[in-house]
Amino acid sequence: MTIRNRLTWLFLGLVAVILLAVMSVVYILQADYTHEEFHVRLRDRAEVTGYVFLEQDELRADAFREFQRRYLRTLTNEVLQIYDAQLQPRFIEQDRRIMISEHLLARILAEKEVYFQLGSRQAVGLFYQDNQGEYIIVAAARITRGGPVWSIWLPCWRVSSSAA
């Protein structure tokens, strides 16, 4: 093998390794951003649920209509649940698509905000205090952005954890 061929193969290998490294970093950064952005959207949906069901009696009618108009977006296969301090479903019938254990509800009460996974859905549980009492709001939905590979890597990338 001539020096020219060796240099060509060396250059080709070096470029391939650099390209692979750059593309891997871009993929990991995109996956992390998508995951964080989805958590923000889930948290927003949980807060909106609290406002819609618990604060409606305290808002003026025109302010509430404006709020509904701005925040009536839903996530893919979204499930919303509200529980009271005794861990019983309130305002909304308990959805059979997700089953939330009392242990997890107690953890949400203790930690105030918990991100977790329910089957194929990502979920957030929020502690919500209102003049009517204390409530737990759970919002769960499926991630649709990022494609099927994303759902394979997600459990490896982030284990269920509390918000920082």
Foldseek 3Di string as FASTA:
>chain_A
DDPVVVVVVVVVVVVVVVVVVVVVVVLVVVLVVLVVVVVVVQVVVLVLVCCVPPVPVVDDPVVVVVSCVVPVDDAAPKDKFKAAPVRHTPPDPDDPVFDDDPVVVVVCVVQQWWWADTVQKTKMWGWDQHPVHIMIMMMIHHRDPPPDVSSVCVCVVDHTGGDD
